[in-house]
Structures are given as structure tokens and as C-alpha cells.
Amino acid sequence: MGLRKPPLRETHASQGASFTEFGGWDMPVEFDSIRTEHAAVRESAGLFDVSHMGEIEVSGPDAGPLLNRLTTNDVDELEPGDTQYSCITDEDGIILDDTMVFRLPDDGDSRYLFIPNAGHDAEMYTRWVEYRDEWDLDATVRNTTEEWAMFALQGPDAQDLAAEATEGATRDIPRFEATFLDVAGVRSFASRTGYTGEDGFEFLCPWGDAETVWEAFDCQPCGLGSRDTLRMEMGFLLAGQDFDPEEEPRTPYEAGVGWTVDLDTEFVGRDALEAVEREGIDERFRGVQLQERGVPRHGYEVVDADGDHLGHLTSGTMSPTLGEPIGLGYLSDEEAPPGTRVRVVVRGEPKQANVVTPPFIDK
């Protein structure tokens, strides 16, 4: 089966973008250079095509209860227009995916939208439908991934650029809230959220109107390469790399997002996570900052001064903002707390590094 393509795939190609496979999608990895795009987001603004992200709509009388049983956070806390970060776990409390859950602005119905990561939309649609039927809940579930384009406008200038394209409508959106509005005349869904550590917005618009909305923002186009370096500087998780139910099975507590777990709700995996909270964890998601030349990468081992194993990295890069090598991964909670001097084994050579609690930059 061929790769799925975002609606503006050919538009991006005409702008000189290079592409990569990600989550089964053919996505732009960079337009100019990762460093240029990264700097634009940190210093002014950048625009990302993130149409590879999934969209699942859930509506009906039992939409809230269904979401509450399948995500770790408390959906009942959401008012219309509110947004919530959450995890989706299996019966053992292992993260299957992380997601944003939106309570759609009130139109008389209980309607929600949640965003699975790239390539997970079909899996999550099936999961929601199967559990809905098993529990005999009255809810409609729709996979609308290929009905919506999704763009992320991020950076210090994002607020002004968004206001220009929406006749000021975005200025009334607080962080982690969302609403329907017009972008260059196209009815869209806008949330003040992002994955870069900067202020900004994510816009959903109809697939066929993608080009109109994309062209409404006059700033640096950005690919997945800079999105990755930006999120690493903040210590944000990447599904399929920093956690994966098969290759890197982790609970929210190990992954550093235990705050998304509300044990007062009855979700799949709740009992297992209650036991984890009670008994503690052996490894925790941490950051490392190298003090020597070298770039930490996925899979590199972390050891102590004697060469004894302390953990491993799941992500790493040369931070464009700091000009220093940084990494993320799972380290012994007892033996490698923040401030510990460790060694990252880079191509067989131990490199000195300090353990830190992300983010690596002050935001």
C-alpha cells in the first residue's frame, strides 16, 4: 500500500521541500534547512503542515463516558472549547498513544474531537468502536482524518499573524482552548496549542481548502525535521520513539506524564497504573546534556563512571538553540537523578554528560 499524502503534497514539492515517510505518510521534512526553520520558530514564526495527525470525532449522549473510559485524564472536567492532553493505555497501563482531546464548542450536543498520532487513526477508531459496542454506549465515532488538513503556526509572532488572517478572532483564544472561526474566509477550527514550546495555534480546515489557509500565513514553512528538534529541546514525547507498546513499552509515570492520570476515573489500565503509583518505578524519562563533542542518538546506552548500565536514550540531537548535544531517554530513577554526572556511549566511546529535567531551554 502506498504512502498517504497530505492535501498540499505537490504544493510543498513546488516550494522545494524534501520529503520523508512518517507514520505511513509522505511528509515534508524540510523546506530550507532544519536550523533555519528551527530559528524562525524560536525567533519569529514558522508554519508546519501536520495533516498526518489523525482526527476522530465522538458525539452522542455517551461520548463523554466513552472517552473517559479510554483516556487517562478526566474528560468530565472539559467545558465546551476546552482542550486536554491525555494518554491512551492498555490493560497493563502501557501507553498506546498520547493525544489531545477537545470538547467542541457547544452547539447543543456533546461532541468531542481527539487527535491520534500519525498512522494511529484507524487503530484508535477501531478501539473506540469495539469498546463502545462492548459497553453498549450510545455514541457515534467517525474517523475524519482525511476530511481535515491541519497546520501549526508557532513562534513569538504567531499571535499577530493569526490575528491578521482571522480578523482578530484568535486574540480571544486562551491557551489550551479552541473555537470555530474563519481563516481567510474558510471556516476552521483553531486551538491555542502546539508542540514546540512557543506560543501558537493549530488550525483544522476542510481538506479542499487547505491551500487557502496555508497561504494565509506569511512566514517560514517548516518540516518535520525542525519540529523534532524543537520538541526535543522541550522534552516532549514522540510516539513510536520515546514510547511504543512493542519496542519501548512505558507507563505514563515512567514517561514523565503521570499528571495526565486521574485515578478517580475508570479507564482501561487504571488498576495497573494505581499499582504503579503505589509501588514506584525503576526508570524515568530524563534529559542528558553532553559535556563533550558527539551527538546522542536513539538507542545509545547511558552508564556510570564504572561503565555500569543506567539506562538508554530514545531521542537525541544537536540543539540548534543551545549549540550543544542533548538527549532524552529512560534512566534509573534511583541512580541517575537530575544533577548526576553520567556517560553516554557514543559509537563505543563514553562521553561525559549531565542528567537534567527537561526542558533544556527556558520557556
Protein backbone atom coordinates (compact mmCIF):
# COMPACT_ATOMS: atom_id res chain seq x y z
CA MET A 1 0.00 0.00 0.00
CA GLY A 2 1.36 3.44 -0.95
CA LEU A 3 2.08 6.28 1.41
CA ARG A 4 -0.77 8.60 2.36
CA LYS A 5 -0.27 12.15 1.14
CA PRO A 6 -1.28 15.44 2.77
CA PRO A 7 -3.52 17.66 0.62
CA LEU A 8 -0.66 20.08 -0.16
CA ARG A 9 1.97 17.47 -1.02
CA GLU A 10 2.55 18.86 -4.53
CA THR A 11 2.42 22.46 -3.31
CA HIS A 12 5.19 21.69 -0.85
CA ALA A 13 7.21 19.97 -3.56
CA SER A 14 6.95 23.07 -5.75
CA GLN A 15 8.34 25.09 -2.83
CA GLY A 16 11.44 22.89 -2.78
CA ALA A 17 10.55 20.71 0.19
CA SER A 18 12.26 17.37 0.72
CA PHE A 19 10.13 14.52 2.00
CA THR A 20 10.25 11.59 4.38
CA GLU A 21 7.97 8.73 5.35
CA PHE A 22 6.43 9.25 8.76
CA GLY A 23 3.64 7.15 10.22
CA GLY A 24 2.68 5.94 6.76
CA TRP A 25 2.53 9.49 5.34
CA ASP A 26 4.74 11.23 2.78
CA MET A 27 5.55 14.42 4.68
CA PRO A 28 7.89 17.42 4.17
CA VAL A 29 10.96 17.03 6.37
CA GLU A 30 12.47 20.44 5.49
CA PHE A 31 11.92 23.37 3.12
CA ASP A 32 15.17 25.30 3.62
CA SER A 33 17.21 23.78 6.43
CA ILE A 34 16.33 22.42 9.86
CA ARG A 35 18.46 25.11 11.50
CA THR A 36 16.78 27.94 9.54
CA GLU A 37 13.29 26.63 10.28
CA HIS A 38 14.09 25.99 13.94
CA ALA A 39 15.42 29.54 14.38
CA ALA A 40 12.34 31.01 12.68
CA VAL A 41 10.04 29.35 15.22
CA ARG A 42 12.16 30.39 18.20
CA GLU A 43 12.66 33.98 16.95
CA SER A 44 9.64 34.86 14.81
CA ALA A 45 7.21 32.26 13.40
CA GLY A 46 7.02 29.08 11.38
CA LEU A 47 4.19 27.17 9.72
CA PHE A 48 4.01 23.35 9.79
CA ASP A 49 1.80 21.04 7.76
CA VAL A 50 0.75 18.41 10.30
CA SER A 51 -2.06 16.88 8.27
CA HIS A 52 -0.61 13.44 9.07
CA MET A 53 -2.14 13.71 12.55
CA GLY A 54 -5.41 11.84 12.98
CA GLU A 55 -8.84 13.23 13.80
CA ILE A 56 -11.52 11.12 15.49
CA GLU A 57 -14.88 12.74 16.26
CA VAL A 58 -17.04 11.31 19.04
CA SER A 59 -20.58 12.53 19.62
CA GLY A 60 -23.85 11.50 21.25
CA PRO A 61 -25.19 11.08 24.80
CA ASP A 62 -22.37 8.74 25.87
CA ALA A 63 -19.50 10.46 24.05
CA GLY A 64 -18.03 11.75 27.32
CA PRO A 65 -18.25 8.44 29.19
CA LEU A 66 -16.67 6.60 26.24
CA LEU A 67 -13.71 8.99 26.13
CA ASN A 68 -13.38 8.85 29.91
CA ARG A 69 -13.04 5.07 29.82
CA LEU A 70 -10.42 5.13 27.06
CA THR A 71 -8.19 8.06 28.08
CA THR A 72 -6.31 8.54 31.34
CA ASN A 73 -7.39 12.09 32.14
CA ASP A 74 -10.84 13.26 33.30
CA VAL A 75 -12.86 14.32 30.27
CA ASP A 76 -15.69 15.46 32.56
CA GLU A 77 -13.53 18.43 33.52
CA LEU A 78 -13.77 19.85 30.00
CA GLU A 79 -16.15 22.70 29.27
CA PRO A 80 -17.09 23.43 25.64
CA GLY A 81 -13.99 24.85 23.97
CA ASP A 82 -11.55 23.29 26.45
CA THR A 83 -8.54 21.15 25.48
CA GLN A 84 -6.85 18.36 27.42
CA TYR A 85 -3.64 16.36 26.96
CA SER A 86 -4.06 12.69 27.81
CA CYS A 87 -2.77 9.17 27.26
CA ILE A 88 -4.42 6.06 25.85
CA THR A 89 -3.30 2.93 27.71
CA ASP A 90 -3.84 -0.81 27.52
CA GLU A 91 -4.95 -3.03 30.42
CA ASP A 92 -1.38 -3.08 31.76
CA GLY A 93 -1.15 0.70 31.84
CA ILE A 94 1.24 0.82 28.84
CA ILE A 95 0.88 3.88 26.61
CA LEU A 96 -0.60 3.05 23.22
CA ASP A 97 -0.72 6.70 22.16
CA ASP A 98 -0.81 10.20 23.58
CA THR A 99 -3.48 12.59 22.39
CA MET A 100 -5.16 15.96 22.61
CA VAL A 101 -8.87 15.83 23.49
CA PHE A 102 -11.12 18.77 22.53
CA ARG A 103 -14.62 19.39 23.85
CA LEU A 104 -16.06 21.08 20.79
CA PRO A 105 -17.76 24.45 21.31
CA ASP A 106 -21.33 23.98 22.46
CA ASP A 107 -23.94 23.53 19.74
CA GLY A 108 -26.44 21.65 21.87
CA ASP A 109 -24.72 18.26 21.61
CA SER A 110 -21.88 16.55 23.48
CA ARG A 111 -19.19 16.48 20.81
CA TYR A 112 -15.52 15.74 21.16
CA LEU A 113 -12.51 15.54 18.89
CA PHE A 114 -9.32 13.71 19.76
CA ILE A 115 -6.06 13.67 17.83
CA PRO A 116 -4.20 10.33 17.48
CA ASN A 117 -0.62 10.43 16.26
CA ALA A 118 0.34 9.77 12.66
CA GLY A 119 -0.77 6.38 11.44
CA HIS A 120 -2.81 5.58 14.55
CA ASP A 121 -6.19 6.87 13.38
CA ALA A 122 -7.54 3.55 12.05
CA GLU A 123 -6.34 1.69 15.15
CA MET A 124 -7.95 4.20 17.52
CA TYR A 125 -11.18 4.34 15.52
CA THR A 126 -11.47 0.55 15.79
CA ARG A 127 -10.63 0.63 19.50
CA TRP A 128 -13.31 3.23 20.22
CA VAL A 129 -15.97 1.40 18.20
CA GLU A 130 -15.20 -2.00 19.75
CA TYR A 131 -15.31 -0.70 23.31
CA ARG A 132 -18.43 1.35 22.58
CA ASP A 133 -20.21 -1.77 21.41
CA GLU A 134 -18.87 -3.92 24.27
CA TRP A 135 -20.09 -1.40 26.85
CA ASP A 136 -23.35 -0.70 24.97
CA LEU A 137 -22.81 3.06 24.91
CA ASP A 138 -24.76 5.50 22.76
CA ALA A 139 -22.03 7.31 20.84
CA THR A 140 -21.15 7.96 17.21
CA VAL A 141 -17.48 7.57 16.28
CA ARG A 142 -16.11 8.92 12.98
CA ASN A 143 -12.60 8.82 11.57
CA THR A 144 -12.35 12.21 9.83
CA THR A 145 -8.57 12.23 9.29
CA GLU A 146 -8.82 12.66 5.52
CA GLU A 147 -11.53 15.31 5.75
CA TRP A 148 -9.30 17.83 7.55
CA ALA A 149 -5.98 19.48 6.82
CA MET A 150 -4.05 20.52 9.92
CA PHE A 151 -1.49 23.31 10.21
CA ALA A 152 0.55 24.53 13.19
CA LEU A 153 1.53 28.20 13.35
CA GLN A 154 4.19 28.56 16.05
CA GLY A 155 6.51 31.25 17.39
CA PRO A 156 6.59 34.66 19.09
CA ASP A 157 4.93 36.30 16.08
CA ALA A 158 2.23 33.64 15.72
CA GLN A 159 -0.33 35.68 17.65
CA ASP A 160 -0.08 38.65 15.28
CA LEU A 161 -0.01 36.51 12.13
CA ALA A 162 -3.06 34.54 13.28
CA ALA A 163 -4.94 37.73 14.11
CA GLU A 164 -4.25 39.14 10.64
CA ALA A 165 -5.67 36.02 8.97
CA THR A 166 -8.74 35.78 11.22
CA GLU A 167 -9.72 39.46 11.58
CA GLY A 168 -8.57 39.36 15.19
CA ALA A 169 -10.65 36.35 16.22
CA THR A 170 -7.68 34.38 17.58
CA ARG A 171 -6.81 37.09 20.12
CA ASP A 172 -9.71 35.90 22.29
CA ILE A 173 -8.48 32.28 22.50
CA PRO A 174 -6.70 31.49 25.79
CA ARG A 175 -4.05 28.79 25.89
CA PHE A 176 -5.42 25.26 25.75
CA GLU A 177 -8.78 26.46 24.45
CA ALA A 178 -10.29 26.25 20.97
CA THR A 179 -13.10 27.58 18.81
CA PHE A 180 -14.51 27.70 15.30
CA LEU A 181 -13.59 30.77 13.24
CA ASP A 182 -12.79 31.90 9.69
CA VAL A 183 -9.24 31.84 8.33
CA ALA A 184 -9.06 33.84 5.09
CA GLY A 185 -12.77 33.18 4.71
CA VAL A 186 -12.51 29.42 5.36
CA ARG A 187 -14.45 28.05 8.31
CA SER A 188 -11.86 26.36 10.51
CA PHE A 189 -11.24 25.01 13.98
CA ALA A 190 -8.46 26.78 15.88
CA SER A 191 -6.78 25.80 19.13
CA ARG A 192 -4.08 27.66 21.03
CA THR A 193 -1.83 24.64 21.32
CA GLY A 194 1.41 23.35 19.85
CA TYR A 195 4.42 21.04 20.05
CA THR A 196 7.32 23.48 20.03
CA GLY A 197 7.31 25.26 23.39
CA GLU A 198 6.38 28.53 21.70
CA ASP A 199 3.05 30.30 21.67
CA GLY A 200 0.93 29.49 18.67
CA PHE A 201 -2.12 27.87 17.15
CA GLU A 202 -3.15 24.69 15.40
CA PHE A 203 -5.75 25.03 12.65
CA LEU A 204 -8.04 22.37 11.21
CA CYS A 205 -9.65 23.27 7.90
CA PRO A 206 -11.51 21.31 5.20
CA TRP A 207 -9.15 19.21 3.07
CA GLY A 208 -10.19 21.01 -0.13
CA ASP A 209 -9.49 24.47 1.35
CA ALA A 210 -6.01 23.64 2.60
CA GLU A 211 -4.13 25.85 0.15
CA THR A 212 -6.18 28.95 1.01
CA VAL A 213 -5.49 28.55 4.72
CA TRP A 214 -1.80 27.65 4.24
CA GLU A 215 -1.23 30.78 2.16
CA ALA A 216 -2.97 33.00 4.72
CA PHE A 217 0.15 32.99 6.92
CA ASP A 218 3.22 34.81 5.62
CA CYS A 219 6.08 33.12 7.45
CA GLN A 220 8.73 30.39 7.16
CA PRO A 221 7.34 27.00 6.06
CA CYS A 222 8.72 24.25 8.28
CA GLY A 223 9.06 20.49 8.04
CA LEU A 224 9.15 17.59 10.45
CA GLY A 225 12.91 17.92 10.95
CA SER A 226 12.69 21.20 12.84
CA ARG A 227 9.52 20.04 14.57
CA ASP A 228 11.61 17.23 16.03
CA THR A 229 14.46 19.45 17.24
CA LEU A 230 12.00 21.94 18.72
CA ARG A 231 10.10 19.30 20.66
CA MET A 232 13.33 17.69 21.91
CA GLU A 233 14.50 20.99 23.40
CA MET A 234 11.24 20.99 25.37
CA GLY A 235 11.44 17.32 26.35
CA PHE A 236 8.15 16.46 24.62
CA LEU A 237 7.44 12.80 23.88
CA LEU A 238 7.42 11.42 20.34
CA ALA A 239 5.07 8.47 19.82
CA GLY A 240 6.75 5.41 18.35
CA GLN A 241 10.15 6.54 19.57
CA ASP A 242 10.03 7.75 23.19
CA PHE A 243 7.27 5.24 23.86
CA ASP A 244 5.94 2.32 21.85
CA PRO A 245 3.82 -0.59 23.10
CA GLU A 246 6.10 -3.08 21.35
CA GLU A 247 9.59 -1.54 21.15
CA GLU A 248 9.53 0.84 24.14
CA PRO A 249 6.61 -0.11 26.45
CA ARG A 250 6.20 2.60 29.08
CA THR A 251 3.58 3.78 31.54
CA PRO A 252 2.70 7.48 31.86
CA TYR A 253 4.61 7.58 35.16
CA GLU A 254 7.81 6.33 33.52
CA ALA A 255 7.30 8.68 30.56
CA GLY A 256 7.08 11.74 32.82
CA VAL A 257 3.40 12.44 32.11
CA GLY A 258 1.90 10.90 35.22
CA TRP A 259 0.00 14.16 35.71
CA THR A 260 -2.33 13.04 32.89
CA VAL A 261 -3.52 10.10 35.01
CA ASP A 262 -6.70 10.63 37.02
CA LEU A 263 -7.18 7.52 39.15
CA ASP A 264 -10.66 8.72 40.16
CA THR A 265 -11.89 7.73 36.69
CA GLU A 266 -12.45 4.16 35.50
CA PHE A 267 -10.36 3.94 32.33
CA VAL A 268 -8.72 0.92 30.70
CA GLY A 269 -5.43 0.42 32.54
CA ARG A 270 -6.48 2.30 35.67
CA ASP A 271 -5.90 -0.58 38.14
CA ALA A 272 -2.45 -1.30 36.72
CA LEU A 273 -1.48 2.37 36.99
CA GLU A 274 -2.76 2.60 40.55
CA ALA A 275 -0.33 -0.19 41.42
CA VAL A 276 2.50 1.60 39.61
CA GLU A 277 1.81 4.81 41.51
CA ARG A 278 1.81 2.89 44.79
CA GLU A 279 4.92 0.79 44.14
CA GLY A 280 7.02 3.34 42.25
CA ILE A 281 9.08 2.99 39.07
CA ASP A 282 12.61 1.85 38.27
CA GLU A 283 13.27 4.18 35.31
CA ARG A 284 12.09 7.68 34.47
CA PHE A 285 12.17 9.84 31.34
CA ARG A 286 15.05 12.29 31.74
CA GLY A 287 17.27 14.56 29.71
CA VAL A 288 21.04 14.43 29.27
CA GLN A 289 23.32 17.25 28.15
CA LEU A 290 26.69 16.17 26.77
CA GLN A 291 29.81 17.94 28.00
CA GLU A 292 31.98 16.59 25.17
CA ARG A 293 31.81 16.50 21.39
CA GLY A 294 29.38 14.00 19.95
CA VAL A 295 25.67 13.69 19.20
CA PRO A 296 23.48 11.43 21.34
CA ARG A 297 21.10 9.24 19.36
CA HIS A 298 18.21 6.84 19.80
CA GLY A 299 19.39 3.57 21.35
CA TYR A 300 22.64 4.86 22.87
CA GLU A 301 23.44 3.40 26.30
CA VAL A 302 23.92 5.56 29.39
CA VAL A 303 26.41 4.29 32.00
CA ASP A 304 28.08 5.46 35.20
CA ALA A 305 31.79 6.17 35.72
CA ASP A 306 32.45 2.44 36.16
CA GLY A 307 30.64 1.55 32.95
CA ASP A 308 27.61 0.10 34.71
CA HIS A 309 24.29 0.39 32.89
CA LEU A 310 21.99 3.24 33.95
CA GLY A 311 19.58 3.37 31.02
CA HIS A 312 19.33 4.29 27.34
CA LEU A 313 18.33 7.17 25.09
CA THR A 314 15.26 7.26 22.91
CA SER A 315 15.89 10.64 21.21
CA GLY A 316 18.84 12.96 20.69
CA THR A 317 20.13 15.84 18.61
CA MET A 318 22.45 18.82 18.49
CA SER A 319 20.27 21.56 19.97
CA PRO A 320 20.11 24.44 17.45
CA THR A 321 19.22 26.91 20.22
CA LEU A 322 21.97 25.89 22.64
CA GLY A 323 24.57 24.69 20.17
CA GLU A 324 25.04 21.71 22.49
CA PRO A 325 24.19 17.99 22.20
CA ILE A 326 21.09 16.89 24.12
CA GLY A 327 19.29 13.60 24.56
CA LEU A 328 16.15 12.11 26.08
CA GLY A 329 15.63 8.65 27.46
CA TYR A 330 14.96 6.37 30.39
CA LEU A 331 17.41 6.37 33.29
CA SER A 332 17.49 4.69 36.68
CA ASP A 333 15.23 6.74 38.93
CA GLU A 334 17.39 5.97 41.97
CA GLU A 335 20.90 6.09 40.50
CA ALA A 336 20.58 8.87 37.91
CA PRO A 337 18.51 11.75 39.33
CA PRO A 338 18.92 15.27 37.89
CA GLY A 339 22.42 16.60 38.53
CA THR A 340 24.12 13.22 38.18
CA ARG A 341 27.26 13.01 36.01
CA VAL A 342 26.89 10.09 33.60
CA ARG A 343 28.41 8.82 30.36
CA VAL A 344 26.59 8.41 27.06
CA VAL A 345 28.20 5.72 24.92
CA VAL A 346 28.57 7.39 21.52
CA ARG A 347 29.86 4.95 18.88
CA GLY A 348 31.56 2.89 21.56
CA GLU A 349 33.14 5.84 23.39
CA PRO A 350 31.75 7.06 26.75
CA LYS A 351 31.06 10.81 26.65
CA GLN A 352 30.52 12.80 29.84
CA ALA A 353 27.04 14.21 30.31
CA ASN A 354 24.83 15.69 32.99
CA VAL A 355 21.34 14.42 33.80
CA VAL A 356 18.73 17.20 33.65
CA THR A 357 14.98 17.60 33.89
CA PRO A 358 13.67 18.96 30.55
CA PRO A 359 13.03 21.44 29.11
CA PHE A 360 16.60 22.22 28.10
CA ILE A 361 15.72 25.85 27.35
CA ASP A 362 13.84 28.41 29.41
CA LYS A 363 10.28 28.75 28.11
